[in-house]
Amino acid sequence: MAENNYTFPHTIFTEYDKAHNVGVFTETTNHIYTEQTEYQRIDIYETPAFGKLFSLDGVIMTRDSDEFVYHEMISHVPLFIHPNPKKVLIIGGGDGGTVREVLKHDSVEKVVLCELDKKVVEAALKYLPNISYELKNPKVELVYEDGSKFVSQFKDEFDVILIDSTDPTEGEGGLLFTEKFYQNCFEALNENGVFSAQTEEPFLKKEWMVRAYRRISNTFNIARLYMGYVPQYMPGTWTWTFASKNLDPIKDFDPEKVKEFNKELKYYDEEVHVASFSLPVFVKKLISEFSK
């Protein structure tokens, strides 16, 4: 066997999932920014393979190279179902990627971004300009507050609510994964309101995926899990759950609206929209117990 003389560089970012004994590592060329905030540790690295990498508490949140997949899928799937989205609430997503995608829809008049940690927004604006630039748009209102408390103030207010949260914690899973929170989101939506939330992945965190889907399904009249290929997150596949009071993500989908869309998209199109709701057999089995 040939001798392997490769030596790993000293500047390695490692994300390690202790619960499942798996991890990923990425060579870095510069540790651009680090700060321990009141809520979490923020790190931003320059990497040869992926451009800038942004992590919270050692977990990758986004990367320059492939962030578009996640941000397009959480945004455009629900926005193309709503007949005329004007007012959008985003909870989480302080890097600004979801805001950027939402504002590609000309009908949107106002975006409220509720982010717990102001330092996330500040770091993104300074170090992640390709992702965060729409945070400066005058249509955007920035609110620094606990999203679960913030949304509970509203009734029949928003056309679209997007939950761009971090991963759940142990126990109840954090306030953004509870049935009470989803109920508050339901009440904050108007009659034709639509909702989408990141709901983890079906391999290492299948219990959380099913739990989140079940809670959303118990709350909304219509709930459908959908999937996408998101290489920045272990193990590379991700899910979101679309929900609404009366609009179906397939029956009420007009592919012509996507074909006529004049803004650049790198992942999402009318075919991906439909295909994302076609779930693998093992995922269907995981959620079948909780299907309506």
C-alpha atoms as a PDB file:
ATOM      1  CA  MET A   1       0.000   0.000   0.000  1.00  0.00           C
ATOM      2  CA  ALA A   2       1.310   3.419  -0.939  1.00  0.00           C
ATOM      3  CA  GLU A   3       2.430   5.549   1.953  1.00  0.00           C
ATOM      4  CA  ASN A   4       0.163   8.471   2.765  1.00  0.00           C
ATOM      5  CA  ASN A   5       2.388  11.471   3.408  1.00  0.00           C
ATOM      6  CA  TYR A   6      -0.445  13.975   3.625  1.00  0.00           C
ATOM      7  CA  THR A   7      -0.290  16.178   6.707  1.00  0.00           C
ATOM      8  CA  PHE A   8      -3.431  17.897   7.894  1.00  0.00           C
ATOM      9  CA  PRO A   9      -3.083  21.667   8.246  1.00  0.00           C
ATOM     10  CA  HIS A  10      -3.313  23.049  11.737  1.00  0.00           C
ATOM     11  CA  THR A  11      -6.219  25.355  10.951  1.00  0.00           C
ATOM     12  CA  ILE A  12      -9.149  22.949  10.909  1.00  0.00           C
ATOM     13  CA  PHE A  13     -12.748  23.755  11.792  1.00  0.00           C
ATOM     14  CA  THR A  14     -14.487  20.702  13.212  1.00  0.00           C
ATOM     15  CA  GLU A  15     -18.188  20.205  13.833  1.00  0.00           C
ATOM     16  CA  TYR A  16     -18.699  17.175  16.062  1.00  0.00           C
ATOM     17  CA  ASP A  17     -22.001  15.540  16.945  1.00  0.00           C
ATOM     18  CA  LYS A  18     -21.144  13.769  20.186  1.00  0.00           C
ATOM     19  CA  ALA A  19     -24.529  12.073  20.455  1.00  0.00           C
ATOM     20  CA  HIS A  20     -23.979  10.179  17.198  1.00  0.00           C
ATOM     21  CA  ASN A  21     -20.148  10.103  17.192  1.00  0.00           C
ATOM     22  CA  VAL A  22     -19.896  11.745  13.772  1.00  0.00           C
ATOM     23  CA  GLY A  23     -18.413  14.973  12.535  1.00  0.00           C
ATOM     24  CA  VAL A  24     -17.113  17.020   9.632  1.00  0.00           C
ATOM     25  CA  PHE A  25     -13.920  18.996   9.284  1.00  0.00           C
ATOM     26  CA  THR A  26     -12.993  21.862   7.000  1.00  0.00           C
ATOM     27  CA  GLU A  27      -9.640  23.474   6.356  1.00  0.00           C
ATOM     28  CA  THR A  28      -9.639  27.192   7.118  1.00  0.00           C
ATOM     29  CA  THR A  29      -7.236  29.918   6.074  1.00  0.00           C
ATOM     30  CA  ASN A  30      -8.384  32.662   8.423  1.00  0.00           C
ATOM     31  CA  HIS A  31     -10.442  32.863  11.608  1.00  0.00           C
ATOM     32  CA  ILE A  32     -12.089  36.153  10.706  1.00  0.00           C
ATOM     33  CA  TYR A  33     -14.304  36.706  13.720  1.00  0.00           C
ATOM     34  CA  THR A  34     -15.149  35.166  17.075  1.00  0.00           C
ATOM     35  CA  GLU A  35     -17.298  36.382  19.944  1.00  0.00           C
ATOM     36  CA  GLN A  36     -19.040  34.843  22.913  1.00  0.00           C
ATOM     37  CA  THR A  37     -22.350  36.681  23.142  1.00  0.00           C
ATOM     38  CA  GLU A  38     -24.995  36.538  25.831  1.00  0.00           C
ATOM     39  CA  TYR A  39     -26.596  33.640  23.961  1.00  0.00           C
ATOM     40  CA  GLN A  40     -23.938  31.744  21.986  1.00  0.00           C
ATOM     41  CA  ARG A  41     -20.488  31.714  20.444  1.00  0.00           C
ATOM     42  CA  ILE A  42     -20.215  33.159  16.946  1.00  0.00           C
ATOM     43  CA  ASP A  43     -17.351  32.203  14.619  1.00  0.00           C
ATOM     44  CA  ILE A  44     -16.684  33.114  11.008  1.00  0.00           C
ATOM     45  CA  TYR A  45     -13.897  31.468   9.012  1.00  0.00           C
ATOM     46  CA  GLU A  46     -12.453  31.814   5.535  1.00  0.00           C
ATOM     47  CA  THR A  47     -12.168  28.412   3.847  1.00  0.00           C
ATOM     48  CA  PRO A  48     -10.584  27.366   0.519  1.00  0.00           C
ATOM     49  CA  ALA A  49     -13.432  25.031  -0.396  1.00  0.00           C
ATOM     50  CA  PHE A  50     -16.569  26.865   0.717  1.00  0.00           C
ATOM     51  CA  GLY A  51     -15.762  30.547   1.037  1.00  0.00           C
ATOM     52  CA  LYS A  52     -16.846  32.039   4.335  1.00  0.00           C
ATOM     53  CA  LEU A  53     -18.234  29.674   6.953  1.00  0.00           C
ATOM     54  CA  PHE A  54     -20.470  30.914   9.758  1.00  0.00           C
ATOM     55  CA  SER A  55     -21.007  28.809  12.886  1.00  0.00           C
ATOM     56  CA  LEU A  56     -22.872  29.111  16.180  1.00  0.00           C
ATOM     57  CA  ASP A  57     -21.554  27.136  19.142  1.00  0.00           C
ATOM     58  CA  GLY A  58     -19.416  25.093  16.777  1.00  0.00           C
ATOM     59  CA  VAL A  59     -22.277  24.125  14.448  1.00  0.00           C
ATOM     60  CA  ILE A  60     -22.292  25.285  10.818  1.00  0.00           C
ATOM     61  CA  MET A  61     -25.117  27.711  10.102  1.00  0.00           C
ATOM     62  CA  THR A  62     -24.240  28.785   6.586  1.00  0.00           C
ATOM     63  CA  ARG A  63     -21.477  28.853   3.965  1.00  0.00           C
ATOM     64  CA  ASP A  64     -20.951  31.071   0.940  1.00  0.00           C
ATOM     65  CA  SER A  65     -20.723  28.176  -1.491  1.00  0.00           C
ATOM     66  CA  ASP A  66     -24.059  26.430  -0.972  1.00  0.00           C
ATOM     67  CA  GLU A  67     -26.239  28.561   1.320  1.00  0.00           C
ATOM     68  CA  PHE A  68     -28.599  29.257  -1.575  1.00  0.00           C
ATOM     69  CA  VAL A  69     -30.170  25.790  -1.355  1.00  0.00           C
ATOM     70  CA  TYR A  70     -31.476  26.175   2.188  1.00  0.00           C
ATOM     71  CA  HIS A  71     -32.513  29.799   1.801  1.00  0.00           C
ATOM     72  CA  GLU A  72     -34.334  29.265  -1.500  1.00  0.00           C
ATOM     73  CA  MET A  73     -36.227  26.224  -0.246  1.00  0.00           C
ATOM     74  CA  ILE A  74     -37.450  27.713   3.022  1.00  0.00           C
ATOM     75  CA  SER A  75     -38.591  30.870   1.198  1.00  0.00           C
ATOM     76  CA  HIS A  76     -39.887  30.182  -2.295  1.00  0.00           C
ATOM     77  CA  VAL A  77     -41.871  27.027  -1.597  1.00  0.00           C
ATOM     78  CA  PRO A  78     -44.385  28.884   0.619  1.00  0.00           C
ATOM     79  CA  LEU A  79     -44.165  32.236  -1.176  1.00  0.00           C
ATOM     80  CA  PHE A  80     -45.172  30.739  -4.517  1.00  0.00           C
ATOM     81  CA  ILE A  81     -48.239  29.187  -2.899  1.00  0.00           C
ATOM     82  CA  HIS A  82     -49.600  32.411  -1.414  1.00  0.00           C
ATOM     83  CA  PRO A  83     -51.602  34.341  -4.054  1.00  0.00           C
ATOM     84  CA  ASN A  84     -50.252  37.765  -3.040  1.00  0.00           C
ATOM     85  CA  PRO A  85     -47.709  37.780  -0.184  1.00  0.00           C
ATOM     86  CA  LYS A  86     -47.222  41.269   1.224  1.00  0.00           C
ATOM     87  CA  LYS A  87     -46.235  40.972   4.872  1.00  0.00           C
ATOM     88  CA  VAL A  88     -43.737  38.336   5.979  1.00  0.00           C
ATOM     89  CA  LEU A  89     -42.426  37.401   9.420  1.00  0.00           C
ATOM     90  CA  ILE A  90     -39.115  35.562   9.700  1.00  0.00           C
ATOM     91  CA  ILE A  91     -38.128  34.168  13.080  1.00  0.00           C
ATOM     92  CA  GLY A  92     -34.408  33.445  13.277  1.00  0.00           C
ATOM     93  CA  GLY A  93     -32.285  33.774  10.174  1.00  0.00           C
ATOM     94  CA  GLY A  94     -30.144  36.648  11.386  1.00  0.00           C
ATOM     95  CA  ASP A  95     -27.596  36.009   8.624  1.00  0.00           C
ATOM     96  CA  GLY A  96     -30.091  37.557   6.201  1.00  0.00           C
ATOM     97  CA  GLY A  97     -30.232  34.820   3.566  1.00  0.00           C
ATOM     98  CA  THR A  98     -33.935  34.154   3.966  1.00  0.00           C
ATOM     99  CA  VAL A  99     -34.681  37.893   3.900  1.00  0.00           C
ATOM    100  CA  ARG A 100     -32.754  38.140   0.633  1.00  0.00           C
ATOM    101  CA  GLU A 101     -34.849  35.422  -0.996  1.00  0.00           C
ATOM    102  CA  VAL A 102     -38.172  36.747   0.314  1.00  0.00           C
ATOM    103  CA  LEU A 103     -37.479  40.194  -1.146  1.00  0.00           C
ATOM    104  CA  LYS A 104     -37.084  38.710  -4.617  1.00  0.00           C
ATOM    105  CA  HIS A 105     -40.892  38.660  -4.639  1.00  0.00           C
ATOM    106  CA  ASP A 106     -42.056  42.092  -5.787  1.00  0.00           C
ATOM    107  CA  SER A 107     -45.396  41.800  -3.993  1.00  0.00           C
ATOM    108  CA  VAL A 108     -43.678  41.774  -0.584  1.00  0.00           C
ATOM    109  CA  GLU A 109     -44.049  45.162   1.077  1.00  0.00           C
ATOM    110  CA  LYS A 110     -42.687  44.428   4.547  1.00  0.00           C
ATOM    111  CA  VAL A 111     -40.441  41.835   6.161  1.00  0.00           C
ATOM    112  CA  VAL A 112     -40.168  41.601   9.933  1.00  0.00           C
ATOM    113  CA  LEU A 113     -37.049  39.715  11.023  1.00  0.00           C
ATOM    114  CA  CYS A 114     -37.133  38.621  14.661  1.00  0.00           C
ATOM    115  CA  GLU A 115     -33.662  37.514  15.769  1.00  0.00           C
ATOM    116  CA  LEU A 116     -32.785  36.804  19.388  1.00  0.00           C
ATOM    117  CA  ASP A 117     -29.103  37.750  19.140  1.00  0.00           C
ATOM    118  CA  LYS A 118     -28.304  41.176  17.699  1.00  0.00           C
ATOM    119  CA  LYS A 119     -24.646  40.179  17.407  1.00  0.00           C
ATOM    120  CA  VAL A 120     -25.561  37.618  14.724  1.00  0.00           C
ATOM    121  CA  VAL A 121     -27.006  40.344  12.517  1.00  0.00           C
ATOM    122  CA  GLU A 122     -24.062  42.660  13.152  1.00  0.00           C
ATOM    123  CA  ALA A 123     -21.534  39.942  12.298  1.00  0.00           C
ATOM    124  CA  ALA A 124     -23.424  38.955   9.149  1.00  0.00           C
ATOM    125  CA  LEU A 125     -23.633  42.541   7.922  1.00  0.00           C
ATOM    126  CA  LYS A 126     -19.901  43.026   8.412  1.00  0.00           C
ATOM    127  CA  TYR A 127     -18.503  39.683   7.270  1.00  0.00           C
ATOM    128  CA  LEU A 128     -21.172  37.999   5.088  1.00  0.00           C
ATOM    129  CA  PRO A 129     -22.207  40.739   2.639  1.00  0.00           C
ATOM    130  CA  ASN A 130     -23.331  38.362  -0.121  1.00  0.00           C
ATOM    131  CA  ILE A 131     -25.867  36.829   2.247  1.00  0.00           C
ATOM    132  CA  SER A 132     -26.860  39.748   4.458  1.00  0.00           C
ATOM    133  CA  TYR A 133     -27.132  42.751   2.141  1.00  0.00           C
ATOM    134  CA  GLU A 134     -30.950  42.868   2.069  1.00  0.00           C
ATOM    135  CA  LEU A 135     -31.035  43.397   5.835  1.00  0.00           C
ATOM    136  CA  LYS A 136     -30.440  47.061   4.983  1.00  0.00           C
ATOM    137  CA  ASN A 137     -33.501  47.211   2.734  1.00  0.00           C
ATOM    138  CA  PRO A 138     -36.061  49.780   3.976  1.00  0.00           C
ATOM    139  CA  LYS A 139     -38.773  47.117   3.697  1.00  0.00           C
ATOM    140  CA  VAL A 140     -37.072  45.209   6.528  1.00  0.00           C
ATOM    141  CA  GLU A 141     -37.832  45.761  10.207  1.00  0.00           C
ATOM    142  CA  LEU A 142     -35.301  44.205  12.590  1.00  0.00           C
ATOM    143  CA  VAL A 143     -36.581  43.065  15.980  1.00  0.00           C
ATOM    144  CA  TYR A 144     -34.257  41.631  18.638  1.00  0.00           C
ATOM    145  CA  GLU A 145     -36.463  39.489  20.818  1.00  0.00           C
ATOM    146  CA  ASP A 146     -37.433  35.947  21.715  1.00  0.00           C
ATOM    147  CA  GLY A 147     -39.402  34.847  18.660  1.00  0.00           C
ATOM    148  CA  SER A 148     -41.815  32.720  20.659  1.00  0.00           C
ATOM    149  CA  LYS A 149     -42.884  35.755  22.679  1.00  0.00           C
ATOM    150  CA  PHE A 150     -42.890  38.118  19.721  1.00  0.00           C
ATOM    151  CA  VAL A 151     -45.250  36.094  17.521  1.00  0.00           C
ATOM    152  CA  SER A 152     -47.727  35.621  20.366  1.00  0.00           C
ATOM    153  CA  GLN A 153     -48.602  39.334  20.153  1.00  0.00           C
ATOM    154  CA  PHE A 154     -50.268  39.052  16.738  1.00  0.00           C
ATOM    155  CA  LYS A 155     -53.599  37.862  15.361  1.00  0.00           C
ATOM    156  CA  ASP A 156     -54.371  37.603  11.613  1.00  0.00           C
ATOM    157  CA  GLU A 157     -51.348  39.798  10.856  1.00  0.00           C
ATOM    158  CA  PHE A 158     -49.012  38.054   8.402  1.00  0.00           C
ATOM    159  CA  ASP A 159     -49.324  36.481   4.967  1.00  0.00           C
ATOM    160  CA  VAL A 160     -46.245  34.316   5.455  1.00  0.00           C
ATOM    161  CA  ILE A 161     -44.315  33.129   8.513  1.00  0.00           C
ATOM    162  CA  LEU A 162     -40.926  31.431   8.107  1.00  0.00           C
ATOM    163  CA  ILE A 163     -39.123  29.729  10.988  1.00  0.00           C
ATOM    164  CA  ASP A 164     -35.397  29.821  10.219  1.00  0.00           C
ATOM    165  CA  SER A 165     -34.348  28.566  13.637  1.00  0.00           C
ATOM    166  CA  THR A 166     -31.246  26.886  14.977  1.00  0.00           C
ATOM    167  CA  ASP A 167     -31.412  23.202  15.891  1.00  0.00           C
ATOM    168  CA  PRO A 168     -33.570  22.225  18.878  1.00  0.00           C
ATOM    169  CA  THR A 169     -32.098  21.745  22.313  1.00  0.00           C
ATOM    170  CA  GLU A 170     -32.721  18.783  24.569  1.00  0.00           C
ATOM    171  CA  GLY A 171     -36.018  18.246  26.368  1.00  0.00           C
ATOM    172  CA  GLU A 172     -38.845  20.221  24.830  1.00  0.00           C
ATOM    173  CA  GLY A 173     -36.582  21.319  22.014  1.00  0.00           C
ATOM    174  CA  GLY A 174     -36.502  25.008  22.607  1.00  0.00           C
ATOM    175  CA  LEU A 175     -39.375  27.441  22.439  1.00  0.00           C
ATOM    176  CA  LEU A 176     -39.375  27.467  18.624  1.00  0.00           C
ATOM    177  CA  PHE A 177     -40.249  23.762  18.421  1.00  0.00           C
ATOM    178  CA  THR A 178     -43.224  23.585  20.780  1.00  0.00           C
ATOM    179  CA  GLU A 179     -46.845  23.057  19.825  1.00  0.00           C
ATOM    180  CA  LYS A 180     -47.743  26.267  21.663  1.00  0.00           C
ATOM    181  CA  PHE A 181     -45.341  28.192  19.447  1.00  0.00           C
ATOM    182  CA  TYR A 182     -46.800  26.671  16.284  1.00  0.00           C
ATOM    183  CA  GLN A 183     -50.291  27.542  17.541  1.00  0.00           C
ATOM    184  CA  ASN A 184     -49.210  31.156  18.013  1.00  0.00           C
ATOM    185  CA  CYS A 185     -47.885  31.171  14.440  1.00  0.00           C
ATOM    186  CA  PHE A 186     -51.207  29.796  13.200  1.00  0.00           C
ATOM    187  CA  GLU A 187     -53.085  32.591  14.955  1.00  0.00           C
ATOM    188  CA  ALA A 188     -50.676  35.258  13.667  1.00  0.00           C
ATOM    189  CA  LEU A 189     -51.393  34.276  10.050  1.00  0.00           C
ATOM    190  CA  ASN A 190     -54.289  35.750   8.124  1.00  0.00           C
ATOM    191  CA  GLU A 191     -56.900  33.659   6.304  1.00  0.00           C
ATOM    192  CA  ASN A 192     -54.690  32.682   3.353  1.00  0.00           C
ATOM    193  CA  GLY A 193     -51.522  32.617   5.432  1.00  0.00           C
ATOM    194  CA  VAL A 194     -48.773  30.098   4.755  1.00  0.00           C
ATOM    195  CA  PHE A 195     -45.978  28.855   6.980  1.00  0.00           C
ATOM    196  CA  SER A 196     -42.694  27.022   6.593  1.00  0.00           C
ATOM    197  CA  ALA A 197     -40.251  25.832   9.234  1.00  0.00           C
ATOM    198  CA  GLN A 198     -36.969  23.985   9.126  1.00  0.00           C
ATOM    199  CA  THR A 199     -37.664  20.565  10.617  1.00  0.00           C
ATOM    200  CA  GLU A 200     -34.265  18.857  10.805  1.00  0.00           C
ATOM    201  CA  GLU A 201     -33.082  15.812   8.822  1.00  0.00           C
ATOM    202  CA  PRO A 202     -34.224  12.177   8.641  1.00  0.00           C
ATOM    203  CA  PHE A 203     -31.023  10.335   9.535  1.00  0.00           C
ATOM    204  CA  LEU A 204     -29.289  11.585  12.679  1.00  0.00           C
ATOM    205  CA  LYS A 205     -32.193  13.667  13.981  1.00  0.00           C
ATOM    206  CA  LYS A 206     -35.198  11.746  12.726  1.00  0.00           C
ATOM    207  CA  GLU A 207     -36.878  11.897  16.143  1.00  0.00           C
ATOM    208  CA  TRP A 208     -36.852  15.690  16.045  1.00  0.00           C
ATOM    209  CA  MET A 209     -38.023  15.744  12.435  1.00  0.00           C
ATOM    210  CA  VAL A 210     -41.029  13.579  13.279  1.00  0.00           C
ATOM    211  CA  ARG A 211     -41.722  15.507  16.477  1.00  0.00           C
ATOM    212  CA  ALA A 212     -41.716  18.867  14.699  1.00  0.00           C
ATOM    213  CA  TYR A 213     -43.831  17.556  11.829  1.00  0.00           C
ATOM    214  CA  ARG A 214     -46.330  16.029  14.249  1.00  0.00           C
ATOM    215  CA  ARG A 215     -46.706  19.267  16.204  1.00  0.00           C
ATOM    216  CA  ILE A 216     -47.156  21.365  13.074  1.00  0.00           C
ATOM    217  CA  SER A 217     -49.592  18.820  11.626  1.00  0.00           C
ATOM    218  CA  ASN A 218     -51.597  18.877  14.842  1.00  0.00           C
ATOM    219  CA  THR A 219     -51.862  22.665  14.614  1.00  0.00           C
ATOM    220  CA  PHE A 220     -52.497  23.519  10.964  1.00  0.00           C
ATOM    221  CA  ASN A 221     -55.271  22.399   8.619  1.00  0.00           C
ATOM    222  CA  ILE A 222     -52.712  21.436   5.975  1.00  0.00           C
ATOM    223  CA  ALA A 223     -49.149  20.278   6.684  1.00  0.00           C
ATOM    224  CA  ARG A 224     -46.703  18.690   4.234  1.00  0.00           C
ATOM    225  CA  LEU A 225     -43.071  17.717   4.767  1.00  0.00           C
ATOM    226  CA  TYR A 226     -40.666  18.524   1.937  1.00  0.00           C
ATOM    227  CA  MET A 227     -36.976  17.856   1.360  1.00  0.00           C
ATOM    228  CA  GLY A 228     -33.872  19.265  -0.268  1.00  0.00           C
ATOM    229  CA  TYR A 229     -30.185  18.533  -0.687  1.00  0.00           C
ATOM    230  CA  VAL A 230     -28.298  20.824   1.709  1.00  0.00           C
ATOM    231  CA  PRO A 231     -24.603  19.852   1.772  1.00  0.00           C
ATOM    232  CA  GLN A 232     -23.637  22.347   4.483  1.00  0.00           C
ATOM    233  CA  TYR A 233     -25.592  20.392   7.116  1.00  0.00           C
ATOM    234  CA  MET A 234     -24.764  16.859   8.226  1.00  0.00           C
ATOM    235  CA  PRO A 235     -25.537  14.446   6.633  1.00  0.00           C
ATOM    236  CA  GLY A 236     -26.545  16.466   3.544  1.00  0.00           C
ATOM    237  CA  THR A 237     -30.337  16.061   3.398  1.00  0.00           C
ATOM    238  CA  TRP A 238     -32.747  18.463   5.051  1.00  0.00           C
ATOM    239  CA  THR A 239     -36.469  18.846   5.617  1.00  0.00           C
ATOM    240  CA  TRP A 240     -38.908  21.681   6.036  1.00  0.00           C
ATOM    241  CA  THR A 241     -42.595  21.555   6.774  1.00  0.00           C
ATOM    242  CA  PHE A 242     -45.051  23.647   4.800  1.00  0.00           C
ATOM    243  CA  ALA A 243     -48.306  24.431   6.572  1.00  0.00           C
ATOM    244  CA  SER A 244     -51.343  26.616   6.011  1.00  0.00           C
ATOM    245  CA  LYS A 245     -54.942  27.246   6.942  1.00  0.00           C
ATOM    246  CA  ASN A 246     -56.354  26.379   3.506  1.00  0.00           C
ATOM    247  CA  LEU A 247     -53.722  26.360   0.732  1.00  0.00           C
ATOM    248  CA  ASP A 248     -52.156  23.112  -0.489  1.00  0.00           C
ATOM    249  CA  PRO A 249     -48.514  23.202  -1.680  1.00  0.00           C
ATOM    250  CA  ILE A 250     -49.273  20.979  -4.693  1.00  0.00           C
ATOM    251  CA  LYS A 251     -52.945  21.545  -5.559  1.00  0.00           C
ATOM    252  CA  ASP A 252     -52.614  25.325  -5.254  1.00  0.00           C
ATOM    253  CA  PHE A 253     -49.218  25.548  -6.950  1.00  0.00           C
ATOM    254  CA  ASP A 254     -49.045  27.350 -10.299  1.00  0.00           C
ATOM    255  CA  PRO A 255     -45.815  26.397 -12.102  1.00  0.00           C
ATOM    256  CA  GLU A 256     -46.306  29.232 -14.585  1.00  0.00           C
ATOM    257  CA  LYS A 257     -45.675  31.763 -11.808  1.00  0.00           C
ATOM    258  CA  VAL A 258     -42.234  30.248 -11.259  1.00  0.00           C
ATOM    259  CA  LYS A 259     -41.472  30.098 -14.988  1.00  0.00           C
ATOM    260  CA  GLU A 260     -42.288  33.805 -15.266  1.00  0.00           C
ATOM    261  CA  PHE A 261     -40.207  34.748 -12.212  1.00  0.00           C
ATOM    262  CA  ASN A 262     -37.473  37.120 -13.378  1.00  0.00           C
ATOM    263  CA  LYS A 263     -35.107  36.867 -10.384  1.00  0.00           C
ATOM    264  CA  GLU A 264     -32.056  34.609 -10.310  1.00  0.00           C
ATOM    265  CA  LEU A 265     -32.493  31.280  -8.543  1.00  0.00           C
ATOM    266  CA  LYS A 266     -29.820  28.603  -8.311  1.00  0.00           C
ATOM    267  CA  TYR A 267     -31.733  25.623  -6.898  1.00  0.00           C
ATOM    268  CA  TYR A 268     -35.486  26.132  -6.788  1.00  0.00           C
ATOM    269  CA  ASP A 269     -37.725  25.930  -9.852  1.00  0.00           C
ATOM    270  CA  GLU A 270     -41.180  24.583 -10.679  1.00  0.00           C
ATOM    271  CA  GLU A 271     -39.899  21.012 -11.029  1.00  0.00           C
ATOM    272  CA  VAL A 272     -37.961  21.101  -7.760  1.00  0.00           C
ATOM    273  CA  HIS A 273     -41.053  22.454  -5.998  1.00  0.00           C
ATOM    274  CA  VAL A 274     -43.157  19.440  -6.936  1.00  0.00           C
ATOM    275  CA  ALA A 275     -40.329  16.937  -6.503  1.00  0.00           C
ATOM    276  CA  SER A 276     -39.479  18.172  -3.005  1.00  0.00           C
ATOM    277  CA  PHE A 277     -42.818  16.848  -1.728  1.00  0.00           C
ATOM    278  CA  SER A 278     -42.163  13.391  -3.181  1.00  0.00           C
ATOM    279  CA  LEU A 279     -40.666  11.749  -0.118  1.00  0.00           C
ATOM    280  CA  PRO A 280     -38.457   8.647   0.045  1.00  0.00           C
ATOM    281  CA  VAL A 281     -40.116   5.507   1.373  1.00  0.00           C
ATOM    282  CA  PHE A 282     -38.264   5.562   4.695  1.00  0.00           C
ATOM    283  CA  VAL A 283     -39.297   9.176   5.367  1.00  0.00           C
ATOM    284  CA  LYS A 284     -42.924   8.372   4.557  1.00  0.00           C
ATOM    285  CA  LYS A 285     -42.756   5.556   7.080  1.00  0.00           C
ATOM    286  CA  LEU A 286     -41.256   7.830   9.728  1.00  0.00           C
ATOM    287  CA  ILE A 287     -44.071  10.348   9.502  1.00  0.00           C
ATOM    288  CA  SER A 288     -46.949   8.051   8.482  1.00  0.00           C
ATOM    289  CA  GLU A 289     -48.095   7.550  12.061  1.00  0.00           C
ATOM    290  CA  PHE A 290     -48.791  11.269  12.323  1.00  0.00           C
ATOM    291  CA  SER A 291     -50.272  11.906   8.861  1.00  0.00           C
ATOM    292  CA  LYS A 292     -53.788  13.269   8.714  1.00  0.00           C
END
